[in-house]
N, C-alpha and C. Protein backbone atom coordinates (compact mmCIF):
# COMPACT_ATOMS: atom_id res chain seq x y z
N MET A 1 25.84 -27.07 -22.55
CA MET A 1 26.76 -26.34 -21.72
C MET A 1 27.73 -25.54 -22.57
N ILE A 2 28.28 -26.17 -23.61
CA ILE A 2 29.22 -25.47 -24.48
C ILE A 2 28.49 -24.41 -25.29
N ALA A 3 27.25 -24.69 -25.67
CA ALA A 3 26.48 -23.70 -26.44
C ALA A 3 26.24 -22.45 -25.62
N SER A 4 26.03 -22.58 -24.33
CA SER A 4 25.81 -21.40 -23.50
C SER A 4 27.09 -20.61 -23.30
N PHE A 5 28.25 -21.21 -23.61
CA PHE A 5 29.53 -20.51 -23.47
C PHE A 5 29.66 -19.41 -24.51
N PHE A 6 29.07 -19.59 -25.68
CA PHE A 6 29.21 -18.64 -26.77
C PHE A 6 27.94 -17.82 -27.01
N VAL A 7 27.05 -17.74 -26.05
CA VAL A 7 25.75 -17.10 -26.27
C VAL A 7 25.87 -15.60 -26.48
N MET A 8 26.49 -14.88 -25.56
CA MET A 8 26.50 -13.43 -25.62
C MET A 8 27.82 -12.85 -26.14
N GLY A 9 28.83 -13.61 -26.26
CA GLY A 9 30.09 -13.06 -26.73
C GLY A 9 30.91 -12.48 -25.60
N LYS A 10 30.55 -11.33 -25.10
CA LYS A 10 31.28 -10.67 -24.01
C LYS A 10 30.75 -11.19 -22.68
N ARG A 11 31.65 -11.38 -21.76
CA ARG A 11 31.29 -11.88 -20.45
C ARG A 11 31.80 -10.94 -19.38
N LYS A 12 31.10 -10.92 -18.28
CA LYS A 12 31.59 -10.20 -17.11
C LYS A 12 32.65 -11.04 -16.42
N ARG A 13 33.30 -10.47 -15.44
CA ARG A 13 34.26 -11.25 -14.67
C ARG A 13 33.53 -12.37 -13.94
N GLY A 14 34.17 -13.48 -13.82
CA GLY A 14 33.55 -14.62 -13.17
C GLY A 14 32.97 -15.59 -14.19
N GLY A 15 33.01 -15.25 -15.47
CA GLY A 15 32.58 -16.16 -16.51
C GLY A 15 31.09 -16.25 -16.73
N ARG A 16 30.34 -15.31 -16.20
CA ARG A 16 28.89 -15.36 -16.37
C ARG A 16 28.46 -14.51 -17.54
N VAL A 17 27.46 -14.97 -18.25
CA VAL A 17 26.89 -14.20 -19.35
C VAL A 17 26.04 -13.09 -18.76
N PRO A 18 26.23 -11.84 -19.21
CA PRO A 18 25.38 -10.77 -18.67
C PRO A 18 23.93 -11.01 -19.05
N ASP A 19 23.07 -10.96 -18.08
CA ASP A 19 21.65 -11.27 -18.29
C ASP A 19 20.85 -10.02 -17.99
N ARG A 20 20.75 -9.17 -18.97
CA ARG A 20 20.07 -7.89 -18.77
C ARG A 20 18.56 -8.09 -18.72
N GLY A 21 17.91 -7.44 -17.77
CA GLY A 21 16.45 -7.48 -17.69
C GLY A 21 15.90 -8.56 -16.78
N ARG A 22 16.69 -9.52 -16.37
CA ARG A 22 16.18 -10.59 -15.51
C ARG A 22 15.90 -10.09 -14.10
N ASN A 23 16.75 -9.21 -13.59
CA ASN A 23 16.54 -8.71 -12.23
C ASN A 23 15.24 -7.92 -12.14
N GLY A 24 14.96 -7.10 -13.13
CA GLY A 24 13.72 -6.35 -13.14
C GLY A 24 12.50 -7.24 -13.29
N GLN A 25 12.63 -8.26 -14.11
CA GLN A 25 11.51 -9.18 -14.31
C GLN A 25 11.20 -9.93 -13.02
N THR A 26 12.21 -10.35 -12.31
CA THR A 26 12.00 -11.06 -11.05
C THR A 26 11.32 -10.17 -10.03
N MET A 27 11.75 -8.92 -9.95
CA MET A 27 11.15 -7.98 -9.00
C MET A 27 9.69 -7.72 -9.36
N ILE A 28 9.39 -7.57 -10.63
CA ILE A 28 8.00 -7.36 -11.05
C ILE A 28 7.15 -8.58 -10.71
N GLU A 29 7.70 -9.77 -10.91
CA GLU A 29 6.94 -10.98 -10.58
C GLU A 29 6.64 -11.06 -9.09
N TYR A 30 7.63 -10.72 -8.26
CA TYR A 30 7.39 -10.72 -6.81
C TYR A 30 6.34 -9.69 -6.42
N VAL A 31 6.38 -8.52 -7.04
CA VAL A 31 5.40 -7.47 -6.72
C VAL A 31 4.00 -7.91 -7.16
N VAL A 32 3.90 -8.52 -8.32
CA VAL A 32 2.59 -8.99 -8.81
C VAL A 32 2.03 -10.07 -7.89
N ILE A 33 2.86 -11.01 -7.46
CA ILE A 33 2.40 -12.07 -6.56
C ILE A 33 1.99 -11.50 -5.21
N ALA A 34 2.76 -10.53 -4.70
CA ALA A 34 2.40 -9.90 -3.42
C ALA A 34 1.08 -9.15 -3.55
N ALA A 35 0.86 -8.46 -4.66
CA ALA A 35 -0.40 -7.74 -4.87
C ALA A 35 -1.57 -8.72 -4.96
N MET A 36 -1.37 -9.85 -5.64
CA MET A 36 -2.43 -10.85 -5.73
C MET A 36 -2.74 -11.44 -4.36
N LEU A 37 -1.72 -11.64 -3.53
CA LEU A 37 -1.93 -12.16 -2.18
C LEU A 37 -2.74 -11.17 -1.34
N VAL A 38 -2.38 -9.90 -1.40
CA VAL A 38 -3.10 -8.88 -0.64
C VAL A 38 -4.54 -8.77 -1.13
N LEU A 39 -4.73 -8.82 -2.45
CA LEU A 39 -6.08 -8.75 -3.01
C LEU A 39 -6.92 -9.96 -2.58
N SER A 40 -6.33 -11.14 -2.59
CA SER A 40 -7.05 -12.35 -2.16
C SER A 40 -7.43 -12.28 -0.69
N LEU A 41 -6.50 -11.84 0.14
CA LEU A 41 -6.80 -11.73 1.57
C LEU A 41 -7.88 -10.70 1.85
N SER A 42 -7.85 -9.58 1.14
CA SER A 42 -8.89 -8.57 1.35
C SER A 42 -10.24 -9.08 0.85
N LEU A 43 -10.25 -9.84 -0.22
CA LEU A 43 -11.50 -10.42 -0.71
C LEU A 43 -12.06 -11.43 0.30
N PHE A 44 -11.20 -12.25 0.88
CA PHE A 44 -11.64 -13.18 1.92
C PHE A 44 -12.17 -12.44 3.15
N ALA A 45 -11.56 -11.32 3.49
CA ALA A 45 -12.03 -10.53 4.63
C ALA A 45 -13.42 -9.96 4.35
N VAL A 46 -13.66 -9.51 3.12
CA VAL A 46 -14.98 -9.00 2.76
C VAL A 46 -16.02 -10.11 2.81
N PHE A 47 -15.67 -11.29 2.29
CA PHE A 47 -16.60 -12.42 2.37
C PHE A 47 -16.89 -12.82 3.81
N LEU A 48 -15.88 -12.83 4.65
CA LEU A 48 -16.08 -13.17 6.06
C LEU A 48 -17.03 -12.18 6.72
N TYR A 49 -16.83 -10.89 6.47
CA TYR A 49 -17.71 -9.87 7.03
C TYR A 49 -19.14 -10.05 6.53
N ALA A 50 -19.30 -10.27 5.22
CA ALA A 50 -20.65 -10.40 4.65
C ALA A 50 -21.37 -11.62 5.21
N PHE A 51 -20.69 -12.75 5.30
CA PHE A 51 -21.34 -13.95 5.79
C PHE A 51 -21.62 -13.89 7.29
N LYS A 52 -20.78 -13.19 8.04
CA LYS A 52 -21.07 -13.02 9.46
C LYS A 52 -22.30 -12.14 9.65
N GLU A 53 -22.41 -11.08 8.86
CA GLU A 53 -23.59 -10.22 8.94
C GLU A 53 -24.85 -11.00 8.56
N HIS A 54 -24.77 -11.76 7.49
CA HIS A 54 -25.93 -12.54 7.05
C HIS A 54 -26.30 -13.58 8.10
N GLY A 55 -25.31 -14.23 8.69
CA GLY A 55 -25.58 -15.22 9.74
C GLY A 55 -26.23 -14.59 10.96
N GLY A 56 -25.80 -13.39 11.32
CA GLY A 56 -26.42 -12.69 12.45
C GLY A 56 -27.87 -12.35 12.17
N ARG A 57 -28.16 -11.95 10.94
CA ARG A 57 -29.55 -11.63 10.58
C ARG A 57 -30.43 -12.87 10.60
N VAL A 58 -29.90 -13.98 10.13
CA VAL A 58 -30.66 -15.23 10.14
C VAL A 58 -30.93 -15.67 11.58
N LEU A 59 -29.94 -15.56 12.45
CA LEU A 59 -30.15 -15.93 13.85
C LEU A 59 -31.16 -15.02 14.52
N ASP A 60 -31.15 -13.73 14.17
CA ASP A 60 -32.16 -12.82 14.72
C ASP A 60 -33.56 -13.20 14.26
N LEU A 61 -33.70 -13.61 13.00
CA LEU A 61 -35.02 -14.01 12.50
C LEU A 61 -35.48 -15.32 13.15
N VAL A 62 -34.57 -16.24 13.36
CA VAL A 62 -34.94 -17.52 13.97
C VAL A 62 -35.31 -17.32 15.42
N ALA A 63 -34.63 -16.42 16.11
CA ALA A 63 -34.87 -16.21 17.54
C ALA A 63 -36.05 -15.27 17.80
N LEU A 64 -36.66 -14.75 16.75
CA LEU A 64 -37.76 -13.80 16.91
C LEU A 64 -38.98 -14.52 17.49
N ASP A 65 -39.58 -13.93 18.52
CA ASP A 65 -40.75 -14.52 19.16
C ASP A 65 -42.01 -13.81 18.68
N TYR A 66 -42.87 -14.57 18.05
CA TYR A 66 -44.18 -14.04 17.70
C TYR A 66 -45.17 -14.53 18.75
N PRO A 67 -46.08 -13.67 19.11
CA PRO A 67 -47.06 -14.11 20.12
C PRO A 67 -48.05 -15.13 19.60
């Protein structure tokens, strides 16, 4: 605790050490996580579409009547 008191030398009002770059890093992390979530959901949607199409084709083949 005392070591963090002398870390940066100059302090802003309120006694906090100025932490440059943390706000940008946090925003980038949130954007990266949101992009990964959207990418995962779109990949699941593609898999759902592909497996539904394949399932429909299999059901059509099973239901096919040969004389």
